[in-house]
N, C-alpha and C. Protein backbone atom coordinates (compact mmCIF):
# COMPACT_ATOMS: atom_id res chain seq x y z
N UNK A 1 68.45 169.07 234.46
CA UNK A 1 67.62 168.02 235.02
C UNK A 1 66.14 168.22 234.69
N UNK A 2 65.73 169.47 234.52
CA UNK A 2 64.32 169.74 234.29
C UNK A 2 63.82 169.19 232.96
N UNK A 3 64.70 168.94 232.00
CA UNK A 3 64.25 168.47 230.69
C UNK A 3 64.28 166.95 230.58
N UNK A 4 64.84 166.24 231.57
CA UNK A 4 65.02 164.80 231.41
C UNK A 4 63.69 164.09 231.18
N UNK A 5 62.64 164.51 231.84
CA UNK A 5 61.34 163.86 231.67
C UNK A 5 60.70 164.09 230.32
N UNK A 6 61.27 165.01 229.54
CA UNK A 6 60.71 165.32 228.21
C UNK A 6 61.47 164.63 227.08
N UNK A 7 62.58 163.98 227.42
CA UNK A 7 63.43 163.39 226.37
C UNK A 7 62.88 162.03 225.92
N UNK A 8 62.91 161.75 224.61
CA UNK A 8 62.40 160.47 224.09
C UNK A 8 63.47 159.38 224.18
N UNK A 9 63.47 158.64 225.26
CA UNK A 9 64.53 157.65 225.51
C UNK A 9 64.63 156.62 224.40
N UNK A 10 63.49 156.12 223.91
CA UNK A 10 63.52 155.08 222.89
C UNK A 10 64.11 155.59 221.58
N UNK A 11 63.78 156.81 221.20
CA UNK A 11 64.33 157.39 219.97
C UNK A 11 65.82 157.63 220.10
N UNK A 12 66.26 158.09 221.27
CA UNK A 12 67.68 158.33 221.49
C UNK A 12 68.45 157.01 221.45
N UNK A 13 67.90 155.96 222.06
CA UNK A 13 68.56 154.66 222.07
C UNK A 13 68.64 154.05 220.68
N UNK A 14 67.64 154.33 219.85
CA UNK A 14 67.59 153.73 218.51
C UNK A 14 68.59 154.37 217.55
N UNK A 15 69.07 155.56 217.88
CA UNK A 15 70.02 156.25 217.00
C UNK A 15 71.18 156.78 217.85
N UNK A 16 72.07 155.89 218.28
CA UNK A 16 73.15 156.29 219.19
C UNK A 16 74.07 157.34 218.58
N UNK A 17 74.37 158.36 219.36
CA UNK A 17 75.31 159.41 218.98
C UNK A 17 76.34 159.56 220.09
N UNK A 18 77.45 160.23 219.77
CA UNK A 18 78.45 160.54 220.79
C UNK A 18 78.01 161.78 221.55
N UNK A 19 77.96 161.68 222.86
CA UNK A 19 77.63 162.81 223.73
C UNK A 19 78.82 163.06 224.65
N UNK A 20 79.43 164.22 224.52
CA UNK A 20 80.64 164.57 225.26
C UNK A 20 80.43 165.89 226.00
N UNK A 21 80.79 165.92 227.28
CA UNK A 21 80.71 167.16 228.05
C UNK A 21 80.85 166.85 229.53
N UNK A 22 80.88 167.88 230.34
CA UNK A 22 81.07 167.67 231.76
C UNK A 22 80.12 168.51 232.59
N UNK A 23 80.39 168.56 233.89
CA UNK A 23 79.68 169.40 234.84
C UNK A 23 78.18 169.11 234.82
N UNK A 24 77.35 170.10 234.42
CA UNK A 24 75.90 169.93 234.46
C UNK A 24 75.40 168.81 233.55
N UNK A 25 76.18 168.41 232.55
CA UNK A 25 75.77 167.33 231.66
C UNK A 25 75.82 165.97 232.35
N UNK A 26 76.25 165.95 233.61
CA UNK A 26 76.18 164.73 234.41
C UNK A 26 74.76 164.16 234.38
N UNK A 27 73.78 165.04 234.48
CA UNK A 27 72.38 164.59 234.50
C UNK A 27 72.00 163.92 233.19
N UNK A 28 72.43 164.48 232.07
CA UNK A 28 72.12 163.89 230.77
C UNK A 28 72.84 162.56 230.60
N UNK A 29 74.08 162.48 231.07
CA UNK A 29 74.82 161.21 231.00
C UNK A 29 74.12 160.13 231.80
N UNK A 30 73.59 160.50 232.97
CA UNK A 30 72.86 159.53 233.78
C UNK A 30 71.60 159.06 233.06
N UNK A 31 70.93 159.98 232.38
CA UNK A 31 69.75 159.63 231.59
C UNK A 31 70.13 158.65 230.48
N UNK A 32 71.22 158.93 229.77
CA UNK A 32 71.63 158.07 228.65
C UNK A 32 71.91 156.66 229.12
N UNK A 33 72.52 156.53 230.31
CA UNK A 33 72.85 155.18 230.81
C UNK A 33 71.60 154.47 231.33
N UNK A 34 70.81 155.16 232.17
CA UNK A 34 69.70 154.49 232.84
C UNK A 34 68.48 154.31 231.95
N UNK A 35 68.24 155.23 231.03
CA UNK A 35 67.01 155.20 230.23
C UNK A 35 67.23 154.74 228.80
N UNK A 36 68.48 154.91 228.29
CA UNK A 36 68.73 154.54 226.90
C UNK A 36 69.83 153.49 226.75
N UNK A 37 70.50 153.14 227.84
CA UNK A 37 71.53 152.11 227.79
C UNK A 37 72.75 152.48 226.97
N UNK A 38 73.09 153.76 226.94
CA UNK A 38 74.19 154.23 226.10
C UNK A 38 75.39 154.69 226.93
N UNK A 39 76.57 154.53 226.35
CA UNK A 39 77.80 155.10 226.89
C UNK A 39 77.83 156.58 226.54
N UNK A 40 78.33 157.41 227.45
CA UNK A 40 78.55 158.82 227.17
C UNK A 40 79.95 159.18 227.65
N UNK A 41 80.38 160.40 227.40
CA UNK A 41 81.76 160.78 227.67
C UNK A 41 81.81 162.03 228.54
N UNK A 42 82.48 161.87 229.68
CA UNK A 42 82.65 163.00 230.61
C UNK A 42 84.01 163.61 230.33
N UNK A 43 84.00 164.83 229.79
CA UNK A 43 85.28 165.42 229.40
C UNK A 43 85.15 166.89 229.06
N UNK A 44 86.04 167.37 228.22
CA UNK A 44 86.11 168.81 227.93
C UNK A 44 84.89 169.33 227.18
N UNK A 45 84.61 170.62 227.40
CA UNK A 45 83.50 171.29 226.72
C UNK A 45 84.06 172.08 225.52
N UNK A 46 83.36 172.08 224.38
CA UNK A 46 83.86 172.78 223.20
C UNK A 46 84.12 174.27 223.43
N UNK A 47 83.28 174.94 224.21
CA UNK A 47 83.41 176.38 224.39
C UNK A 47 84.33 176.74 225.56
N UNK A 48 84.83 175.73 226.27
CA UNK A 48 85.67 176.03 227.45
C UNK A 48 87.05 175.43 227.25
N UNK A 49 87.24 174.16 227.62
CA UNK A 49 88.58 173.57 227.55
C UNK A 49 89.08 173.42 226.10
N UNK A 50 88.17 173.07 225.18
CA UNK A 50 88.61 172.91 223.78
C UNK A 50 88.99 174.24 223.15
N UNK A 51 88.52 175.33 223.74
CA UNK A 51 88.85 176.66 223.22
C UNK A 51 90.00 177.30 223.99
N UNK A 52 90.57 176.59 224.96
CA UNK A 52 91.63 177.14 225.80
C UNK A 52 93.01 176.99 225.20
N UNK A 53 93.99 177.50 225.91
CA UNK A 53 95.36 177.48 225.43
C UNK A 53 95.96 176.08 225.38
N UNK A 54 95.41 175.15 226.17
CA UNK A 54 95.97 173.81 226.22
C UNK A 54 95.11 172.79 225.48
N UNK A 55 94.31 173.26 224.53
CA UNK A 55 93.39 172.38 223.82
C UNK A 55 94.12 171.28 223.06
N UNK A 56 95.33 171.57 222.58
CA UNK A 56 96.07 170.58 221.78
C UNK A 56 96.48 169.37 222.61
N UNK A 57 96.51 169.50 223.93
CA UNK A 57 96.94 168.39 224.77
C UNK A 57 95.81 167.51 225.26
N UNK A 58 94.60 167.76 224.81
CA UNK A 58 93.44 166.97 225.28
C UNK A 58 93.37 165.61 224.57
N UNK A 59 92.76 164.63 225.23
CA UNK A 59 92.72 163.27 224.68
C UNK A 59 91.38 162.89 224.06
N UNK A 60 90.44 163.84 223.96
CA UNK A 60 89.09 163.48 223.55
C UNK A 60 89.03 162.88 222.14
N UNK A 61 89.89 163.35 221.22
CA UNK A 61 89.84 162.84 219.86
C UNK A 61 90.24 161.37 219.81
N UNK A 62 91.28 160.99 220.56
CA UNK A 62 91.69 159.59 220.59
C UNK A 62 90.60 158.72 221.19
N UNK A 63 90.01 159.18 222.30
CA UNK A 63 88.99 158.38 222.98
C UNK A 63 87.76 158.21 222.10
N UNK A 64 87.34 159.28 221.42
CA UNK A 64 86.15 159.20 220.58
C UNK A 64 86.43 158.48 219.26
N UNK A 65 87.71 158.27 218.95
CA UNK A 65 88.08 157.53 217.73
C UNK A 65 88.09 156.03 217.96
N UNK A 66 87.86 155.61 219.20
CA UNK A 66 87.82 154.18 219.48
C UNK A 66 89.00 153.63 220.23
N UNK A 67 89.94 154.48 220.61
CA UNK A 67 91.09 154.01 221.38
C UNK A 67 90.68 153.73 222.83
N UNK A 68 91.29 152.71 223.42
CA UNK A 68 91.10 152.48 224.85
C UNK A 68 91.86 153.58 225.59
N UNK A 69 91.21 154.32 226.47
CA UNK A 69 91.91 155.40 227.19
C UNK A 69 93.15 154.88 227.91
N UNK A 70 94.16 155.73 227.98
CA UNK A 70 95.42 155.34 228.61
C UNK A 70 95.21 155.09 230.10
N UNK A 71 95.95 154.14 230.68
CA UNK A 71 95.85 153.92 232.13
C UNK A 71 96.44 155.10 232.89
N UNK A 72 96.21 155.09 234.19
CA UNK A 72 96.74 156.17 235.03
C UNK A 72 97.31 155.57 236.31
N UNK A 73 98.54 155.98 236.65
CA UNK A 73 99.19 155.55 237.88
C UNK A 73 99.11 156.65 238.92
N UNK A 74 98.79 156.27 240.15
CA UNK A 74 98.62 157.21 241.25
C UNK A 74 99.81 157.14 242.19
N UNK A 75 100.11 158.25 242.83
CA UNK A 75 101.17 158.28 243.83
C UNK A 75 100.62 157.77 245.16
N UNK A 76 101.53 157.53 246.12
CA UNK A 76 101.11 156.99 247.40
C UNK A 76 100.13 157.85 248.13
N UNK A 77 100.29 159.16 248.07
CA UNK A 77 99.39 160.06 248.80
C UNK A 77 97.99 160.09 248.19
N UNK A 78 97.83 159.56 246.99
CA UNK A 78 96.52 159.54 246.34
C UNK A 78 95.69 158.32 246.73
N UNK A 79 96.29 157.36 247.41
CA UNK A 79 95.58 156.14 247.79
C UNK A 79 94.94 156.35 249.16
N UNK A 80 93.62 156.42 249.18
CA UNK A 80 92.88 156.65 250.43
C UNK A 80 92.41 155.35 251.06
N UNK A 81 92.17 154.33 250.26
CA UNK A 81 91.80 153.01 250.75
C UNK A 81 92.25 151.99 249.71
N UNK A 82 92.80 150.88 250.19
CA UNK A 82 93.33 149.88 249.28
C UNK A 82 92.31 148.84 248.87
N UNK A 83 92.70 148.05 247.86
CA UNK A 83 91.85 146.97 247.38
C UNK A 83 91.83 146.92 245.87
N UNK A 84 91.02 146.03 245.35
CA UNK A 84 90.85 145.87 243.91
C UNK A 84 89.37 145.98 243.60
N UNK A 85 89.03 146.81 242.63
CA UNK A 85 87.63 146.98 242.24
C UNK A 85 87.49 147.10 240.74
N UNK A 86 86.45 146.49 240.21
CA UNK A 86 86.22 146.50 238.76
C UNK A 86 84.74 146.63 238.48
N UNK A 87 84.41 147.37 237.44
CA UNK A 87 83.02 147.53 237.05
C UNK A 87 82.85 148.69 236.12
N UNK A 88 81.64 148.92 235.63
CA UNK A 88 81.40 150.05 234.73
C UNK A 88 81.61 151.37 235.46
N UNK A 89 82.19 152.33 234.77
CA UNK A 89 82.45 153.65 235.35
C UNK A 89 81.17 154.48 235.28
N UNK A 90 80.78 155.04 236.42
CA UNK A 90 79.57 155.87 236.50
C UNK A 90 79.90 157.14 237.26
N UNK A 91 78.99 158.14 237.19
CA UNK A 91 79.16 159.33 238.01
C UNK A 91 79.29 160.60 237.22
N UNK A 92 80.10 161.54 237.77
CA UNK A 92 80.25 162.86 237.16
C UNK A 92 80.45 163.90 238.25
N UNK A 93 79.87 165.07 238.05
CA UNK A 93 79.97 166.15 239.04
C UNK A 93 79.14 165.76 240.27
N UNK A 94 79.77 165.78 241.45
CA UNK A 94 79.14 165.24 242.65
C UNK A 94 77.82 165.91 242.98
N UNK A 95 77.73 167.22 242.84
CA UNK A 95 76.48 167.90 243.19
C UNK A 95 75.33 167.42 242.32
N UNK A 96 75.59 167.09 241.07
CA UNK A 96 74.53 166.57 240.19
C UNK A 96 74.22 165.12 240.51
N UNK A 97 75.25 164.33 240.80
CA UNK A 97 75.03 162.93 241.17
C UNK A 97 74.14 162.86 242.41
N UNK A 98 74.42 163.71 243.41
CA UNK A 98 73.61 163.73 244.63
C UNK A 98 72.19 164.19 244.33
N UNK A 99 72.02 165.17 243.44
CA UNK A 99 70.69 165.68 243.12
C UNK A 99 69.83 164.66 242.39
N UNK A 100 70.47 163.70 241.74
CA UNK A 100 69.73 162.67 241.00
C UNK A 100 69.19 161.58 241.91
N UNK A 101 69.68 161.49 243.14
CA UNK A 101 69.21 160.44 244.06
C UNK A 101 67.69 160.53 244.24
N UNK A 102 67.03 159.41 244.11
CA UNK A 102 65.58 159.38 244.26
C UNK A 102 64.82 159.67 242.98
N UNK A 103 65.51 159.90 241.88
CA UNK A 103 64.85 160.16 240.59
C UNK A 103 65.00 158.93 239.69
N UNK A 104 64.26 158.87 238.58
CA UNK A 104 64.40 157.73 237.67
C UNK A 104 65.80 157.61 237.07
N UNK A 105 66.54 158.72 237.06
CA UNK A 105 67.88 158.69 236.47
C UNK A 105 68.98 158.56 237.53
N UNK A 106 68.62 158.19 238.75
CA UNK A 106 69.61 158.07 239.82
C UNK A 106 70.76 157.16 239.40
N UNK A 107 71.97 157.55 239.75
CA UNK A 107 73.15 156.75 239.43
C UNK A 107 73.09 155.44 240.22
N UNK A 108 73.27 154.34 239.54
CA UNK A 108 73.27 153.02 240.16
C UNK A 108 74.71 152.55 240.29
N UNK A 109 75.23 152.53 241.51
CA UNK A 109 76.63 152.19 241.74
C UNK A 109 76.84 150.72 242.07
N UNK A 110 75.81 149.91 242.04
CA UNK A 110 75.97 148.49 242.35
C UNK A 110 76.90 147.84 241.33
N UNK A 111 77.99 147.26 241.83
CA UNK A 111 78.95 146.60 240.95
C UNK A 111 79.74 147.55 240.07
N UNK A 112 79.73 148.84 240.41
CA UNK A 112 80.33 149.85 239.55
C UNK A 112 81.52 150.55 240.23
N UNK A 113 82.20 151.37 239.45
CA UNK A 113 83.25 152.27 239.94
C UNK A 113 82.71 153.69 239.82
N UNK A 114 82.58 154.38 240.95
CA UNK A 114 82.02 155.73 240.94
C UNK A 114 83.11 156.76 240.77
N UNK A 115 82.98 157.60 239.74
CA UNK A 115 83.85 158.77 239.56
C UNK A 115 83.09 160.01 240.01
N UNK A 116 83.78 160.88 240.76
CA UNK A 116 83.17 162.17 241.08
C UNK A 116 84.23 163.25 241.17
N UNK A 117 83.78 164.48 240.89
CA UNK A 117 84.60 165.68 241.01
C UNK A 117 83.66 166.84 241.26
N UNK A 118 84.21 167.99 241.67
CA UNK A 118 83.36 169.16 241.85
C UNK A 118 84.23 170.40 241.99
N UNK A 119 83.60 171.56 241.91
CA UNK A 119 84.31 172.83 242.02
C UNK A 119 83.41 173.82 242.75
N UNK A 120 84.04 174.64 243.60
CA UNK A 120 83.29 175.68 244.29
C UNK A 120 82.46 175.21 245.47
N UNK A 121 82.65 173.97 245.91
CA UNK A 121 81.90 173.44 247.04
C UNK A 121 82.87 173.15 248.18
N UNK A 122 82.66 173.75 249.33
CA UNK A 122 83.53 173.48 250.47
C UNK A 122 83.35 172.05 250.96
N UNK A 123 84.32 171.59 251.74
CA UNK A 123 84.33 170.18 252.11
C UNK A 123 83.11 169.77 252.93
N UNK A 124 82.54 170.68 253.71
CA UNK A 124 81.36 170.28 254.48
C UNK A 124 80.18 170.00 253.55
N UNK A 125 80.12 170.69 252.42
CA UNK A 125 79.06 170.44 251.45
C UNK A 125 79.33 169.15 250.68
N UNK A 126 80.59 168.92 250.31
CA UNK A 126 80.94 167.66 249.65
C UNK A 126 80.63 166.48 250.56
N UNK A 127 80.94 166.63 251.85
CA UNK A 127 80.67 165.57 252.81
C UNK A 127 79.17 165.30 252.92
N UNK A 128 78.38 166.36 252.89
CA UNK A 128 76.93 166.21 252.96
C UNK A 128 76.40 165.45 251.75
N UNK A 129 76.93 165.77 250.57
CA UNK A 129 76.48 165.08 249.35
C UNK A 129 76.84 163.60 249.39
N UNK A 130 78.05 163.30 249.82
CA UNK A 130 78.46 161.90 249.90
C UNK A 130 77.61 161.14 250.91
N UNK A 131 77.29 161.79 252.03
CA UNK A 131 76.44 161.17 253.03
C UNK A 131 75.05 160.92 252.48
N UNK A 132 74.53 161.87 251.70
CA UNK A 132 73.22 161.66 251.07
C UNK A 132 73.24 160.44 250.15
N UNK A 133 74.31 160.28 249.38
CA UNK A 133 74.41 159.14 248.49
C UNK A 133 74.49 157.83 249.27
N UNK A 134 75.22 157.86 250.38
CA UNK A 134 75.33 156.66 251.21
C UNK A 134 73.98 156.29 251.82
N UNK A 135 73.31 157.27 252.41
CA UNK A 135 72.07 157.00 253.14
C UNK A 135 70.89 156.73 252.20
N UNK A 136 70.99 157.19 250.97
CA UNK A 136 69.93 156.91 250.00
C UNK A 136 70.09 155.54 249.35
N UNK A 137 71.20 154.86 249.64
CA UNK A 137 71.45 153.56 249.05
C UNK A 137 72.11 153.61 247.70
N UNK A 138 72.44 154.81 247.22
CA UNK A 138 73.05 154.96 245.90
C UNK A 138 74.38 154.23 245.82
N UNK A 139 75.12 154.19 246.92
CA UNK A 139 76.45 153.58 246.92
C UNK A 139 76.45 152.13 247.36
N UNK A 140 75.28 151.55 247.57
CA UNK A 140 75.22 150.14 247.96
C UNK A 140 75.85 149.27 246.87
N UNK A 141 76.76 148.39 247.25
CA UNK A 141 77.38 147.50 246.29
C UNK A 141 78.46 148.13 245.44
N UNK A 142 78.93 149.32 245.82
CA UNK A 142 79.99 149.99 245.07
C UNK A 142 81.27 149.17 245.10
N UNK A 143 81.98 149.08 243.97
CA UNK A 143 83.21 148.31 243.89
C UNK A 143 84.47 149.15 244.05
N UNK A 144 84.42 150.42 243.71
CA UNK A 144 85.60 151.29 243.84
C UNK A 144 85.17 152.73 243.63
N UNK A 145 86.02 153.67 244.08
CA UNK A 145 85.73 155.09 243.92
C UNK A 145 86.94 155.80 243.34
N UNK A 146 86.68 156.62 242.32
CA UNK A 146 87.70 157.40 241.62
C UNK A 146 87.37 158.87 241.79
N UNK A 147 88.25 159.62 242.44
CA UNK A 147 87.99 161.03 242.71
C UNK A 147 88.84 161.90 241.77
N UNK A 148 88.18 162.81 241.08
CA UNK A 148 88.87 163.72 240.17
C UNK A 148 89.26 165.01 240.85
N UNK A 149 89.15 166.11 240.13
CA UNK A 149 89.58 167.40 240.67
C UNK A 149 88.59 167.90 241.72
N UNK A 150 89.13 168.50 242.77
CA UNK A 150 88.33 169.12 243.82
C UNK A 150 88.90 170.50 244.08
N UNK A 151 88.08 171.53 243.94
CA UNK A 151 88.51 172.90 244.22
C UNK A 151 87.48 173.56 245.13
N UNK A 152 87.50 173.21 246.42
CA UNK A 152 86.48 173.75 247.33
C UNK A 152 86.52 175.27 247.40
N UNK A 153 85.36 175.88 247.29
CA UNK A 153 85.27 177.33 247.40
C UNK A 153 86.02 178.09 246.33
N UNK A 154 86.30 177.45 245.21
CA UNK A 154 87.13 178.08 244.19
C UNK A 154 86.51 179.34 243.61
N UNK A 155 85.20 179.48 243.75
CA UNK A 155 84.55 180.66 243.19
C UNK A 155 84.60 181.86 244.13
N UNK A 156 85.18 181.69 245.31
CA UNK A 156 85.24 182.83 246.21
C UNK A 156 86.15 182.59 247.39
N UNK A 157 87.31 182.02 247.14
CA UNK A 157 88.24 181.71 248.23
C UNK A 157 87.86 180.38 248.85
N UNK A 158 88.85 179.55 249.13
CA UNK A 158 88.52 178.23 249.62
C UNK A 158 89.50 177.69 250.63
N UNK A 159 89.33 176.43 250.95
CA UNK A 159 90.18 175.75 251.91
C UNK A 159 91.52 175.39 251.29
N UNK A 160 92.51 175.22 252.13
CA UNK A 160 93.86 174.90 251.65
C UNK A 160 93.90 173.46 251.15
N UNK A 161 94.85 173.15 250.26
CA UNK A 161 95.01 171.76 249.80
C UNK A 161 95.23 170.80 250.96
N UNK A 162 95.92 171.27 252.00
CA UNK A 162 96.18 170.41 253.16
C UNK A 162 94.88 170.07 253.90
N UNK A 163 93.98 171.06 254.00
CA UNK A 163 92.70 170.82 254.67
C UNK A 163 91.86 169.83 253.88
N UNK A 164 91.87 169.97 252.56
CA UNK A 164 91.11 169.06 251.71
C UNK A 164 91.67 167.64 251.81
N UNK A 165 93.00 167.53 251.79
CA UNK A 165 93.64 166.21 251.90
C UNK A 165 93.30 165.56 253.23
N UNK A 166 93.30 166.34 254.30
CA UNK A 166 92.96 165.80 255.61
C UNK A 166 91.53 165.32 255.68
N UNK A 167 90.61 166.08 255.09
CA UNK A 167 89.20 165.67 255.07
C UNK A 167 89.04 164.37 254.30
N UNK A 168 89.69 164.26 253.14
CA UNK A 168 89.59 163.03 252.34
C UNK A 168 90.12 161.83 253.11
N UNK A 169 91.25 162.01 253.79
CA UNK A 169 91.82 160.92 254.58
C UNK A 169 90.84 160.46 255.65
N UNK A 170 90.26 161.41 256.37
CA UNK A 170 89.30 161.07 257.42
C UNK A 170 88.04 160.43 256.84
N UNK A 171 87.58 160.96 255.72
CA UNK A 171 86.30 160.52 255.15
C UNK A 171 86.36 159.08 254.66
N UNK A 172 87.50 158.67 254.08
CA UNK A 172 87.55 157.37 253.42
C UNK A 172 88.47 156.36 254.11
N UNK A 173 88.98 156.72 255.28
CA UNK A 173 89.78 155.75 256.02
C UNK A 173 88.93 154.54 256.38
N UNK A 174 89.40 153.36 256.00
CA UNK A 174 88.66 152.14 256.31
C UNK A 174 87.54 151.82 255.34
N UNK A 175 87.47 152.50 254.20
CA UNK A 175 86.43 152.20 253.21
C UNK A 175 86.54 150.75 252.77
N UNK A 176 85.42 150.07 252.52
CA UNK A 176 85.44 148.65 252.14
C UNK A 176 85.76 148.41 250.67
N UNK A 177 86.10 149.44 249.95
CA UNK A 177 86.45 149.34 248.53
C UNK A 177 87.61 150.31 248.28
N UNK A 178 88.38 150.09 247.20
CA UNK A 178 89.50 151.00 246.94
C UNK A 178 89.01 152.41 246.61
N UNK A 179 89.73 153.40 247.14
CA UNK A 179 89.42 154.80 246.88
C UNK A 179 90.72 155.50 246.52
N UNK A 180 90.75 156.13 245.36
CA UNK A 180 91.92 156.89 244.92
C UNK A 180 91.48 158.29 244.52
N UNK A 181 92.37 159.24 244.69
CA UNK A 181 92.06 160.62 244.36
C UNK A 181 93.10 161.15 243.37
N UNK A 182 92.87 162.39 242.92
CA UNK A 182 93.85 163.06 242.09
C UNK A 182 93.83 162.68 240.63
N UNK A 183 92.75 162.02 240.15
CA UNK A 183 92.68 161.72 238.73
C UNK A 183 92.40 163.02 237.96
N UNK A 184 93.15 163.29 236.89
CA UNK A 184 93.02 164.57 236.20
C UNK A 184 91.79 164.68 235.31
N UNK A 185 90.64 164.76 235.94
CA UNK A 185 89.38 164.92 235.20
C UNK A 185 88.47 165.83 236.00
N UNK A 186 87.66 166.60 235.30
CA UNK A 186 86.75 167.52 235.97
C UNK A 186 86.97 168.94 235.52
N UNK A 187 86.88 169.89 236.46
CA UNK A 187 87.01 171.30 236.16
C UNK A 187 88.49 171.68 236.11
N UNK A 188 89.14 171.28 235.03
CA UNK A 188 90.57 171.52 234.83
C UNK A 188 90.80 172.07 233.43
N UNK A 189 91.97 172.66 233.21
CA UNK A 189 92.29 173.17 231.88
C UNK A 189 92.53 172.03 230.89
N UNK A 190 93.04 170.88 231.41
CA UNK A 190 93.31 169.73 230.55
C UNK A 190 92.69 168.46 231.14
N UNK A 191 91.38 168.35 231.14
CA UNK A 191 90.74 167.17 231.73
C UNK A 191 90.83 165.95 230.83
N UNK A 192 91.01 164.79 231.44
CA UNK A 192 90.92 163.54 230.71
C UNK A 192 89.47 163.31 230.29
N UNK A 193 89.29 162.50 229.25
CA UNK A 193 87.96 162.14 228.77
C UNK A 193 87.62 160.75 229.26
N UNK A 194 86.51 160.64 230.00
CA UNK A 194 86.12 159.38 230.61
C UNK A 194 84.88 158.80 229.93
N UNK A 195 84.96 157.57 229.43
CA UNK A 195 83.77 156.93 228.87
C UNK A 195 82.93 156.33 229.99
N UNK A 196 81.81 156.95 230.30
CA UNK A 196 80.93 156.48 231.36
C UNK A 196 80.12 155.29 230.86
N UNK A 197 80.15 154.21 231.62
CA UNK A 197 79.48 152.98 231.22
C UNK A 197 80.43 151.91 230.76
N UNK A 198 81.71 152.27 230.58
CA UNK A 198 82.74 151.31 230.13
C UNK A 198 83.40 150.69 231.36
N UNK A 199 83.71 149.38 231.34
CA UNK A 199 84.34 148.75 232.50
C UNK A 199 85.77 149.24 232.72
N UNK A 200 86.09 149.46 233.98
CA UNK A 200 87.44 149.87 234.38
C UNK A 200 87.86 149.03 235.58
N UNK A 201 89.14 149.09 235.90
CA UNK A 201 89.69 148.32 237.02
C UNK A 201 90.63 149.21 237.82
N UNK A 202 90.48 149.21 239.14
CA UNK A 202 91.37 149.95 240.03
C UNK A 202 92.04 148.95 240.96
N UNK A 203 93.36 149.00 241.00
CA UNK A 203 94.14 148.24 241.95
C UNK A 203 94.90 149.23 242.81
N UNK A 204 94.68 149.20 244.13
CA UNK A 204 95.28 150.17 245.03
C UNK A 204 95.89 149.45 246.23
N UNK A 205 97.14 149.73 246.49
CA UNK A 205 97.85 149.15 247.63
C UNK A 205 98.33 150.30 248.51
N UNK A 206 97.63 150.54 249.59
CA UNK A 206 97.95 151.67 250.46
C UNK A 206 99.31 151.49 251.14
N UNK A 207 99.62 150.28 251.56
CA UNK A 207 100.89 150.04 252.24
C UNK A 207 102.08 150.25 251.31
N UNK A 208 101.91 149.88 250.05
CA UNK A 208 102.98 150.07 249.07
C UNK A 208 102.96 151.47 248.46
N UNK A 209 101.88 152.20 248.69
CA UNK A 209 101.77 153.55 248.15
C UNK A 209 101.69 153.59 246.64
N UNK A 210 100.85 152.73 246.09
CA UNK A 210 100.74 152.67 244.63
C UNK A 210 99.33 152.27 244.24
N UNK A 211 98.89 152.76 243.09
CA UNK A 211 97.57 152.40 242.56
C UNK A 211 97.56 152.63 241.06
N UNK A 212 96.68 151.91 240.38
CA UNK A 212 96.60 152.03 238.92
C UNK A 212 95.14 151.88 238.49
N UNK A 213 94.75 152.75 237.55
CA UNK A 213 93.44 152.68 236.90
C UNK A 213 93.64 152.22 235.48
N UNK A 214 92.89 151.18 235.08
CA UNK A 214 92.95 150.70 233.71
C UNK A 214 91.54 150.69 233.11
N UNK A 215 91.44 151.13 231.86
CA UNK A 215 90.20 151.05 231.10
C UNK A 215 90.22 149.75 230.31
N UNK A 216 89.17 148.96 230.42
CA UNK A 216 89.18 147.62 229.87
C UNK A 216 88.59 147.51 228.47
N UNK A 217 87.89 148.56 228.04
CA UNK A 217 87.30 148.55 226.70
C UNK A 217 87.26 149.98 226.15
N UNK A 218 87.17 150.12 224.84
CA UNK A 218 86.97 151.46 224.27
C UNK A 218 85.55 151.94 224.53
N UNK A 219 85.33 153.24 224.38
CA UNK A 219 84.01 153.79 224.60
C UNK A 219 83.11 153.77 223.40
N UNK A 220 83.69 153.58 222.21
CA UNK A 220 82.90 153.51 220.98
C UNK A 220 83.27 152.26 220.22
N UNK A 221 82.33 151.76 219.44
CA UNK A 221 82.54 150.54 218.67
C UNK A 221 83.34 150.86 217.41
């Protein structure tokens, strides 16, 4: 985040390149969207997931080649709030999204679908970040929420999956937009590649226990 004010937005916008990465690069992706009007890709890192044992199963090559990312179907337990929401996909690692609030690169969720994931943060800290985004107005006009991998306290022992599931249920019960969890993106061995800035659609039916995410356009021309 400390270098964002030094980057030449006009020069970057004039010569679009593919930018792929995750975690701390959330801040750079936010810069590319807000200051340069560019799509970026939230996905595997060359020195981490691409160098791992499951690198052959990653989808980044297809996505960066111009293919529309494959849709994803969610199970009933993954549907936290029902509804239909459509808009450009924004977000990234939650701690970085929250830290951007109040800056020129703050994530604008109006009319958008917010994706977030995180690792090593207990649920009380995740809850605090989400509350900051709500109270700062960052989530005003949000159309849907897509939650990726969550591993609270993973760097030093954490809460049980049951505790995390219970917190998510309580946190998003009655949300005015669809909320689904369990999308395989984030701090995982085989993360999906997400084109940030591309329109997506989420249809979630809590009573039927089903939901689907569809990508409506490719991330590259």
